[in-house]
Structure formats: C-alpha cells, structure tokens
Amino acid sequence: MAVIPDGATFEEFTQYVIARRGEVPLEELKELWERRLRLKSVTVARGETMRNMLPPEDRDLTVREREKKIISEARAAGHEPIYQGRRWV
C-alpha cells in the first residue's frame, strides 16, 4: 500500500504504520492518528466563493486589474477615488 486511503480506520492506519516502520508503541500510534486527523481537517481557501459573487466579466481579473477597473470607471463617471484603509471610496 503506497498511501493510506482517506477513509481508513485506526486499525488500517496501524497496519500501515507498522508495515512502514516496524513496531511502534501504542501511545505514538495514537499521537500519529490524531495528527493525521488534524491534517485531514485542514482546508485551503482559494477565494472561489468571493470570485463567484463578482460579475461574470470581473471573475477572471486579478485584484490589481479589478482595482484599476474600479478607479477608471469612477474617473469616467467624474469622481476622484480616494484610498481609505484597504479600499477605494
């Protein structure tokens, strides 16, 4: 077995570890199992939810490109945008 499956039980995990490392104390197996569960629970936010809230024509733009577009639209409408905090108003 090259990689243990995501849905593996503690017993399957134990067999996998013993096959790779030989005899391992039960306490260490429990610590490894808990670490594995913590690592499996990590999720990575890639900004897709926020991107889906944008209009279709803005979804493929980078943050800088969207910023330039907002500034140029504001100037075209006769406004001079002012940078406050982390956004243009």
PDB file of N, CA and C in Angstrom:
ATOM      1  N   MET A   1       0.843  -1.171   0.000  1.00  0.00           N
ATOM      2  CA  MET A   1       0.000   0.000   0.000  1.00  0.00           C
ATOM      3  C   MET A   1       0.894   1.241   0.000  1.00  0.00           C
ATOM      4  N   ALA A   2       0.807   2.034  -1.011  1.00  0.00           N
ATOM      5  CA  ALA A   2       1.670   3.207  -1.134  1.00  0.00           C
ATOM      6  C   ALA A   2       1.198   4.359  -0.248  1.00  0.00           C
ATOM      7  N   VAL A   3      -0.103   4.647  -0.263  1.00  0.00           N
ATOM      8  CA  VAL A   3      -0.657   5.731   0.525  1.00  0.00           C
ATOM      9  C   VAL A   3      -1.936   5.219   1.167  1.00  0.00           C
ATOM     10  N   ILE A   4      -2.129   5.558   2.425  1.00  0.00           N
ATOM     11  CA  ILE A   4      -3.338   5.094   3.122  1.00  0.00           C
ATOM     12  C   ILE A   4      -4.535   5.907   2.632  1.00  0.00           C
ATOM     13  N   PRO A   5      -5.680   5.263   2.385  1.00  0.00           N
ATOM     14  CA  PRO A   5      -6.865   5.978   1.881  1.00  0.00           C
ATOM     15  C   PRO A   5      -7.408   6.979   2.906  1.00  0.00           C
ATOM     16  N   ASP A   6      -8.159   7.971   2.429  1.00  0.00           N
ATOM     17  CA  ASP A   6      -8.714   8.994   3.316  1.00  0.00           C
ATOM     18  C   ASP A   6      -9.639   8.418   4.376  1.00  0.00           C
ATOM     19  N   GLY A   7     -10.456   7.457   4.017  1.00  0.00           N
ATOM     20  CA  GLY A   7     -11.444   6.915   4.949  1.00  0.00           C
ATOM     21  C   GLY A   7     -10.927   5.755   5.780  1.00  0.00           C
ATOM     22  N   ALA A   8      -9.622   5.621   5.936  1.00  0.00           N
ATOM     23  CA  ALA A   8      -9.049   4.482   6.659  1.00  0.00           C
ATOM     24  C   ALA A   8      -9.405   4.537   8.147  1.00  0.00           C
ATOM     25  N   THR A   9      -9.594   3.370   8.729  1.00  0.00           N
ATOM     26  CA  THR A   9      -9.861   3.275  10.166  1.00  0.00           C
ATOM     27  C   THR A   9      -8.543   3.293  10.925  1.00  0.00           C
ATOM     28  N   PHE A  10      -8.643   3.381  12.261  1.00  0.00           N
ATOM     29  CA  PHE A  10      -7.440   3.371  13.087  1.00  0.00           C
ATOM     30  C   PHE A  10      -6.684   2.055  12.911  1.00  0.00           C
ATOM     31  N   GLU A  11      -7.413   0.955  12.773  1.00  0.00           N
ATOM     32  CA  GLU A  11      -6.774  -0.348  12.599  1.00  0.00           C
ATOM     33  C   GLU A  11      -5.992  -0.403  11.279  1.00  0.00           C
ATOM     34  N   GLU A  12      -6.594   0.104  10.208  1.00  0.00           N
ATOM     35  CA  GLU A  12      -5.900   0.147   8.915  1.00  0.00           C
ATOM     36  C   GLU A  12      -4.672   1.051   8.983  1.00  0.00           C
ATOM     37  N   PHE A  13      -4.837   2.171   9.677  1.00  0.00           N
ATOM     38  CA  PHE A  13      -3.719   3.094   9.858  1.00  0.00           C
ATOM     39  C   PHE A  13      -2.589   2.419  10.630  1.00  0.00           C
ATOM     40  N   THR A  14      -2.955   1.686  11.686  1.00  0.00           N
ATOM     41  CA  THR A  14      -1.970   0.980  12.491  1.00  0.00           C
ATOM     42  C   THR A  14      -1.211  -0.034  11.646  1.00  0.00           C
ATOM     43  N   GLN A  15      -1.912  -0.808  10.843  1.00  0.00           N
ATOM     44  CA  GLN A  15      -1.267  -1.787   9.965  1.00  0.00           C
ATOM     45  C   GLN A  15      -0.312  -1.102   8.992  1.00  0.00           C
ATOM     46  N   TYR A  16      -0.737   0.027   8.453  1.00  0.00           N
ATOM     47  CA  TYR A  16       0.081   0.782   7.510  1.00  0.00           C
ATOM     48  C   TYR A  16       1.382   1.257   8.173  1.00  0.00           C
ATOM     49  N   VAL A  17       1.260   1.846   9.377  1.00  0.00           N
ATOM     50  CA  VAL A  17       2.432   2.375  10.070  1.00  0.00           C
ATOM     51  C   VAL A  17       3.387   1.247  10.447  1.00  0.00           C
ATOM     52  N   ILE A  18       2.844   0.142  10.958  1.00  0.00           N
ATOM     53  CA  ILE A  18       3.691  -0.986  11.357  1.00  0.00           C
ATOM     54  C   ILE A  18       4.403  -1.571  10.140  1.00  0.00           C
ATOM     55  N   ALA A  19       3.736  -1.635   9.009  1.00  0.00           N
ATOM     56  CA  ALA A  19       4.370  -2.146   7.787  1.00  0.00           C
ATOM     57  C   ALA A  19       5.504  -1.232   7.334  1.00  0.00           C
ATOM     58  N   ARG A  20       5.364   0.081   7.565  1.00  0.00           N
ATOM     59  CA  ARG A  20       6.386   1.038   7.134  1.00  0.00           C
ATOM     60  C   ARG A  20       7.537   1.167   8.127  1.00  0.00           C
ATOM     61  N   ARG A  21       7.213   1.140   9.442  1.00  0.00           N
ATOM     62  CA  ARG A  21       8.224   1.459  10.448  1.00  0.00           C
ATOM     63  C   ARG A  21       8.530   0.318  11.409  1.00  0.00           C
ATOM     64  N   GLY A  22       7.826  -0.768  11.309  1.00  0.00           N
ATOM     65  CA  GLY A  22       8.030  -1.852  12.268  1.00  0.00           C
ATOM     66  C   GLY A  22       7.227  -1.593  13.536  1.00  0.00           C
ATOM     67  N   GLU A  23       7.665  -2.144  14.637  1.00  0.00           N
ATOM     68  CA  GLU A  23       6.944  -1.979  15.908  1.00  0.00           C
ATOM     69  C   GLU A  23       6.966  -0.523  16.361  1.00  0.00           C
ATOM     70  N   VAL A  24       5.773  -0.029  16.698  1.00  0.00           N
ATOM     71  CA  VAL A  24       5.608   1.346  17.177  1.00  0.00           C
ATOM     72  C   VAL A  24       4.756   1.284  18.433  1.00  0.00           C
ATOM     73  N   PRO A  25       5.132   1.992  19.515  1.00  0.00           N
ATOM     74  CA  PRO A  25       4.327   1.984  20.737  1.00  0.00           C
ATOM     75  C   PRO A  25       2.907   2.503  20.478  1.00  0.00           C
ATOM     76  N   LEU A  26       1.951   1.994  21.217  1.00  0.00           N
ATOM     77  CA  LEU A  26       0.543   2.365  21.053  1.00  0.00           C
ATOM     78  C   LEU A  26       0.348   3.860  21.268  1.00  0.00           C
ATOM     79  N   GLU A  27       1.037   4.443  22.238  1.00  0.00           N
ATOM     80  CA  GLU A  27       0.904   5.874  22.505  1.00  0.00           C
ATOM     81  C   GLU A  27       1.329   6.701  21.288  1.00  0.00           C
ATOM     82  N   GLU A  28       2.414   6.310  20.641  1.00  0.00           N
ATOM     83  CA  GLU A  28       2.869   7.013  19.443  1.00  0.00           C
ATOM     84  C   GLU A  28       1.884   6.833  18.294  1.00  0.00           C
ATOM     85  N   LEU A  29       1.310   5.634  18.179  1.00  0.00           N
ATOM     86  CA  LEU A  29       0.291   5.400  17.143  1.00  0.00           C
ATOM     87  C   LEU A  29      -0.903   6.325  17.344  1.00  0.00           C
ATOM     88  N   LYS A  30      -1.324   6.482  18.602  1.00  0.00           N
ATOM     89  CA  LYS A  30      -2.457   7.376  18.887  1.00  0.00           C
ATOM     90  C   LYS A  30      -2.113   8.818  18.531  1.00  0.00           C
ATOM     91  N   GLU A  31      -0.890   9.250  18.856  1.00  0.00           N
ATOM     92  CA  GLU A  31      -0.472  10.612  18.518  1.00  0.00           C
ATOM     93  C   GLU A  31      -0.423  10.811  17.003  1.00  0.00           C
ATOM     94  N   LEU A  32       0.110   9.823  16.295  1.00  0.00           N
ATOM     95  CA  LEU A  32       0.160   9.905  14.828  1.00  0.00           C
ATOM     96  C   LEU A  32      -1.240   9.948  14.232  1.00  0.00           C
ATOM     97  N   TRP A  33      -2.156   9.158  14.780  1.00  0.00           N
ATOM     98  CA  TRP A  33      -3.538   9.130  14.303  1.00  0.00           C
ATOM     99  C   TRP A  33      -4.201  10.492  14.513  1.00  0.00           C
ATOM    100  N   GLU A  34      -4.015  11.079  15.707  1.00  0.00           N
ATOM    101  CA  GLU A  34      -4.598  12.394  15.981  1.00  0.00           C
ATOM    102  C   GLU A  34      -4.016  13.454  15.051  1.00  0.00           C
ATOM    103  N   ARG A  35      -2.718  13.382  14.807  1.00  0.00           N
ATOM    104  CA  ARG A  35      -2.072  14.326  13.891  1.00  0.00           C
ATOM    105  C   ARG A  35      -2.627  14.172  12.480  1.00  0.00           C
ATOM    106  N   ARG A  36      -2.823  12.941  12.057  1.00  0.00           N
ATOM    107  CA  ARG A  36      -3.388  12.673  10.731  1.00  0.00           C
ATOM    108  C   ARG A  36      -4.786  13.262  10.609  1.00  0.00           C
ATOM    109  N   LEU A  37      -5.602  13.073  11.653  1.00  0.00           N
ATOM    110  CA  LEU A  37      -6.966  13.617  11.627  1.00  0.00           C
ATOM    111  C   LEU A  37      -6.948  15.140  11.566  1.00  0.00           C
ATOM    112  N   ARG A  38      -6.035  15.771  12.323  1.00  0.00           N
ATOM    113  CA  ARG A  38      -5.930  17.239  12.270  1.00  0.00           C
ATOM    114  C   ARG A  38      -5.506  17.705  10.887  1.00  0.00           C
ATOM    115  N   LEU A  39      -4.535  17.021  10.287  1.00  0.00           N
ATOM    116  CA  LEU A  39      -4.078  17.414   8.951  1.00  0.00           C
ATOM    117  C   LEU A  39      -5.164  17.219   7.902  1.00  0.00           C
ATOM    118  N   LYS A  40      -5.957  16.172   8.043  1.00  0.00           N
ATOM    119  CA  LYS A  40      -7.039  15.914   7.083  1.00  0.00           C
ATOM    120  C   LYS A  40      -8.154  16.945   7.199  1.00  0.00           C
ATOM    121  N   SER A  41      -8.261  17.624   8.349  1.00  0.00           N
ATOM    122  CA  SER A  41      -9.337  18.591   8.538  1.00  0.00           C
ATOM    123  C   SER A  41      -8.986  19.981   8.015  1.00  0.00           C
ATOM    124  N   VAL A  42      -7.746  20.194   7.590  1.00  0.00           N
ATOM    125  CA  VAL A  42      -7.323  21.491   7.079  1.00  0.00           C
ATOM    126  C   VAL A  42      -7.921  21.720   5.695  1.00  0.00           C
ATOM    127  N   THR A  43      -8.462  22.906   5.498  1.00  0.00           N
ATOM    128  CA  THR A  43      -8.985  23.274   4.189  1.00  0.00           C
ATOM    129  C   THR A  43      -8.240  24.517   3.689  1.00  0.00           C
ATOM    130  N   VAL A  44      -8.173  24.673   2.411  1.00  0.00           N
ATOM    131  CA  VAL A  44      -7.477  25.798   1.804  1.00  0.00           C
ATOM    132  C   VAL A  44      -8.503  26.680   1.100  1.00  0.00           C
ATOM    133  N   ALA A  45      -8.534  27.934   1.492  1.00  0.00           N
ATOM    134  CA  ALA A  45      -9.445  28.890   0.858  1.00  0.00           C
ATOM    135  C   ALA A  45      -8.745  29.483  -0.349  1.00  0.00           C
ATOM    136  N   ARG A  46      -9.341  29.317  -1.510  1.00  0.00           N
ATOM    137  CA  ARG A  46      -8.733  29.823  -2.738  1.00  0.00           C
ATOM    138  C   ARG A  46      -9.472  31.034  -3.289  1.00  0.00           C
ATOM    139  N   GLY A  47     -10.446  31.539  -2.551  1.00  0.00           N
ATOM    140  CA  GLY A  47     -11.154  32.737  -2.980  1.00  0.00           C
ATOM    141  C   GLY A  47     -12.231  32.488  -4.012  1.00  0.00           C
ATOM    142  N   GLU A  48     -12.599  31.242  -4.246  1.00  0.00           N
ATOM    143  CA  GLU A  48     -13.588  30.954  -5.282  1.00  0.00           C
ATOM    144  C   GLU A  48     -14.976  31.459  -4.912  1.00  0.00           C
ATOM    145  N   THR A  49     -15.324  31.418  -3.626  1.00  0.00           N
ATOM    146  CA  THR A  49     -16.642  31.900  -3.207  1.00  0.00           C
ATOM    147  C   THR A  49     -16.756  33.391  -3.469  1.00  0.00           C
ATOM    148  N   MET A  50     -15.720  34.140  -3.095  1.00  0.00           N
ATOM    149  CA  MET A  50     -15.744  35.572  -3.352  1.00  0.00           C
ATOM    150  C   MET A  50     -15.753  35.856  -4.847  1.00  0.00           C
ATOM    151  N   ARG A  51     -14.972  35.081  -5.580  1.00  0.00           N
ATOM    152  CA  ARG A  51     -14.896  35.277  -7.027  1.00  0.00           C
ATOM    153  C   ARG A  51     -16.260  35.019  -7.676  1.00  0.00           C
ATOM    154  N   ASN A  52     -17.017  34.048  -7.172  1.00  0.00           N
ATOM    155  CA  ASN A  52     -18.331  33.742  -7.740  1.00  0.00           C
ATOM    156  C   ASN A  52     -19.348  34.839  -7.454  1.00  0.00           C
ATOM    157  N   MET A  53     -19.081  35.684  -6.448  1.00  0.00           N
ATOM    158  CA  MET A  53     -20.002  36.779  -6.144  1.00  0.00           C
ATOM    159  C   MET A  53     -19.778  37.972  -7.077  1.00  0.00           C
ATOM    160  N   LEU A  54     -18.654  37.991  -7.764  1.00  0.00           N
ATOM    161  CA  LEU A  54     -18.355  39.093  -8.682  1.00  0.00           C
ATOM    162  C   LEU A  54     -19.147  38.951  -9.975  1.00  0.00           C
ATOM    163  N   PRO A  55     -19.331  40.045 -10.692  1.00  0.00           N
ATOM    164  CA  PRO A  55     -19.972  39.956 -12.002  1.00  0.00           C
ATOM    165  C   PRO A  55     -19.136  39.070 -12.930  1.00  0.00           C
ATOM    166  N   PRO A  56     -19.758  38.401 -13.889  1.00  0.00           N
ATOM    167  CA  PRO A  56     -19.026  37.476 -14.773  1.00  0.00           C
ATOM    168  C   PRO A  56     -17.813  38.103 -15.461  1.00  0.00           C
ATOM    169  N   GLU A  57     -17.904  39.380 -15.822  1.00  0.00           N
ATOM    170  CA  GLU A  57     -16.785  39.998 -16.537  1.00  0.00           C
ATOM    171  C   GLU A  57     -15.593  40.293 -15.619  1.00  0.00           C
ATOM    172  N   ASP A  58     -15.801  40.275 -14.292  1.00  0.00           N
ATOM    173  CA  ASP A  58     -14.712  40.553 -13.342  1.00  0.00           C
ATOM    174  C   ASP A  58     -14.089  39.292 -12.748  1.00  0.00           C
ATOM    175  N   ARG A  59     -14.648  38.137 -12.997  1.00  0.00           N
ATOM    176  CA  ARG A  59     -14.197  36.912 -12.331  1.00  0.00           C
ATOM    177  C   ARG A  59     -12.784  36.487 -12.705  1.00  0.00           C
ATOM    178  N   ASP A  60     -12.335  36.800 -13.890  1.00  0.00           N
ATOM    179  CA  ASP A  60     -11.005  36.375 -14.318  1.00  0.00           C
ATOM    180  C   ASP A  60      -9.944  37.443 -14.104  1.00  0.00           C
ATOM    181  N   LEU A  61     -10.325  38.566 -13.503  1.00  0.00           N
ATOM    182  CA  LEU A  61      -9.366  39.649 -13.273  1.00  0.00           C
ATOM    183  C   LEU A  61      -8.616  39.429 -11.962  1.00  0.00           C
ATOM    184  N   THR A  62      -7.373  39.873 -11.928  1.00  0.00           N
ATOM    185  CA  THR A  62      -6.621  39.838 -10.676  1.00  0.00           C
ATOM    186  C   THR A  62      -7.106  40.986  -9.795  1.00  0.00           C
ATOM    187  N   VAL A  63      -6.651  41.022  -8.553  1.00  0.00           N
ATOM    188  CA  VAL A  63      -7.052  42.086  -7.642  1.00  0.00           C
ATOM    189  C   VAL A  63      -6.602  43.442  -8.187  1.00  0.00           C
ATOM    190  N   ARG A  64      -5.394  43.512  -8.689  1.00  0.00           N
ATOM    191  CA  ARG A  64      -4.890  44.785  -9.246  1.00  0.00           C
ATOM    192  C   ARG A  64      -5.693  45.212 -10.477  1.00  0.00           C
ATOM    193  N   GLU A  65      -6.038  44.258 -11.325  1.00  0.00           N
ATOM    194  CA  GLU A  65      -6.821  44.590 -12.528  1.00  0.00           C
ATOM    195  C   GLU A  65      -8.215  45.085 -12.142  1.00  0.00           C
ATOM    196  N   ARG A  66      -8.826  44.459 -11.126  1.00  0.00           N
ATOM    197  CA  ARG A  66     -10.144  44.928 -10.668  1.00  0.00           C
ATOM    198  C   ARG A  66     -10.032  46.327 -10.072  1.00  0.00           C
ATOM    199  N   GLU A  67      -8.954  46.563  -9.318  1.00  0.00           N
ATOM    200  CA  GLU A  67      -8.740  47.877  -8.721  1.00  0.00           C
ATOM    201  C   GLU A  67      -8.613  48.943  -9.806  1.00  0.00           C
ATOM    202  N   LYS A  68      -7.818  48.669 -10.836  1.00  0.00           N
ATOM    203  CA  LYS A  68      -7.648  49.624 -11.942  1.00  0.00           C
ATOM    204  C   LYS A  68      -8.970  49.876 -12.656  1.00  0.00           C
ATOM    205  N   LYS A  69      -9.768  48.813 -12.818  1.00  0.00           N
ATOM    206  CA  LYS A  69     -11.062  48.946 -13.489  1.00  0.00           C
ATOM    207  C   LYS A  69     -11.996  49.835 -12.672  1.00  0.00           C
ATOM    208  N   ILE A  70     -12.032  49.629 -11.352  1.00  0.00           N
ATOM    209  CA  ILE A  70     -12.898  50.431 -10.481  1.00  0.00           C
ATOM    210  C   ILE A  70     -12.483  51.898 -10.516  1.00  0.00           C
ATOM    211  N   ILE A  71     -11.177  52.144 -10.465  1.00  0.00           N
ATOM    212  CA  ILE A  71     -10.682  53.527 -10.493  1.00  0.00           C
ATOM    213  C   ILE A  71     -11.009  54.193 -11.820  1.00  0.00           C
ATOM    214  N   SER A  72     -10.787  53.478 -12.918  1.00  0.00           N
ATOM    215  CA  SER A  72     -11.073  54.083 -14.228  1.00  0.00           C
ATOM    216  C   SER A  72     -12.570  54.326 -14.409  1.00  0.00           C
ATOM    217  N   GLU A  73     -13.420  53.434 -13.909  1.00  0.00           N
ATOM    218  CA  GLU A  73     -14.878  53.652 -14.005  1.00  0.00           C
ATOM    219  C   GLU A  73     -15.298  54.846 -13.167  1.00  0.00           C
ATOM    220  N   ALA A  74     -14.696  54.999 -11.984  1.00  0.00           N
ATOM    221  CA  ALA A  74     -15.033  56.143 -11.130  1.00  0.00           C
ATOM    222  C   ALA A  74     -14.606  57.446 -11.784  1.00  0.00           C
ATOM    223  N   ARG A  75     -13.403  57.460 -12.358  1.00  0.00           N
ATOM    224  CA  ARG A  75     -12.928  58.677 -13.026  1.00  0.00           C
ATOM    225  C   ARG A  75     -13.764  58.995 -14.257  1.00  0.00           C
ATOM    226  N   ALA A  76     -14.197  57.960 -14.970  1.00  0.00           N
ATOM    227  CA  ALA A  76     -15.057  58.178 -16.137  1.00  0.00           C
ATOM    228  C   ALA A  76     -16.405  58.763 -15.731  1.00  0.00           C
ATOM    229  N   ALA A  77     -16.847  58.461 -14.518  1.00  0.00           N
ATOM    230  CA  ALA A  77     -18.118  58.991 -14.021  1.00  0.00           C
ATOM    231  C   ALA A  77     -17.944  60.362 -13.379  1.00  0.00           C
ATOM    232  N   GLY A  78     -16.697  60.890 -13.379  1.00  0.00           N
ATOM    233  CA  GLY A  78     -16.470  62.226 -12.843  1.00  0.00           C
ATOM    234  C   GLY A  78     -16.091  62.249 -11.377  1.00  0.00           C
ATOM    235  N   HIS A  79     -15.765  61.129 -10.788  1.00  0.00           N
ATOM    236  CA  HIS A  79     -15.362  61.078  -9.380  1.00  0.00           C
ATOM    237  C   HIS A  79     -13.856  60.890  -9.286  1.00  0.00           C
ATOM    238  N   GLU A  80     -13.287  61.387  -8.203  1.00  0.00           N
ATOM    239  CA  GLU A  80     -11.874  61.136  -7.950  1.00  0.00           C
ATOM    240  C   GLU A  80     -11.795  60.193  -6.746  1.00  0.00           C
ATOM    241  N   PRO A  81     -11.456  58.930  -6.975  1.00  0.00           N
ATOM    242  CA  PRO A  81     -11.431  57.968  -5.876  1.00  0.00           C
ATOM    243  C   PRO A  81     -10.320  58.279  -4.869  1.00  0.00           C
ATOM    244  N   ILE A  82     -10.616  58.029  -3.595  1.00  0.00           N
ATOM    245  CA  ILE A  82      -9.671  58.266  -2.506  1.00  0.00           C
ATOM    246  C   ILE A  82      -9.439  56.936  -1.802  1.00  0.00           C
ATOM    247  N   TYR A  83      -8.184  56.629  -1.549  1.00  0.00           N
ATOM    248  CA  TYR A  83      -7.839  55.364  -0.888  1.00  0.00           C
ATOM    249  C   TYR A  83      -7.962  55.549   0.613  1.00  0.00           C
ATOM    250  N   GLN A  84      -8.856  54.786   1.252  1.00  0.00           N
ATOM    251  CA  GLN A  84      -9.043  54.840   2.695  1.00  0.00           C
ATOM    252  C   GLN A  84      -8.915  53.441   3.271  1.00  0.00           C
ATOM    253  N   GLY A  85      -7.988  53.261   4.156  1.00  0.00           N
ATOM    254  CA  GLY A  85      -7.807  51.947   4.762  1.00  0.00           C
ATOM    255  C   GLY A  85      -7.310  50.960   3.744  1.00  0.00           C
ATOM    256  N   ARG A  86      -8.179  50.028   3.402  1.00  0.00           N
ATOM    257  CA  ARG A  86      -7.809  48.987   2.425  1.00  0.00           C
ATOM    258  C   ARG A  86      -8.676  49.029   1.181  1.00  0.00           C
ATOM    259  N   ARG A  87      -9.403  50.120   0.964  1.00  0.00           N
ATOM    260  CA  ARG A  87     -10.262  50.170  -0.219  1.00  0.00           C
ATOM    261  C   ARG A  87     -10.411  51.587  -0.740  1.00  0.00           C
ATOM    262  N   TRP A  88     -10.884  51.657  -1.955  1.00  0.00           N
ATOM    263  CA  TRP A  88     -11.120  52.941  -2.601  1.00  0.00           C
ATOM    264  C   TRP A  88     -12.549  53.383  -2.355  1.00  0.00           C
ATOM    265  N   VAL A  89     -12.728  54.666  -2.032  1.00  0.00           N
ATOM    266  CA  VAL A  89     -14.077  55.226  -1.863  1.00  0.00           C
ATOM    267  C   VAL A  89     -14.212  56.489  -2.665  1.00  0.00           C
TER     268      VAL A  89
END
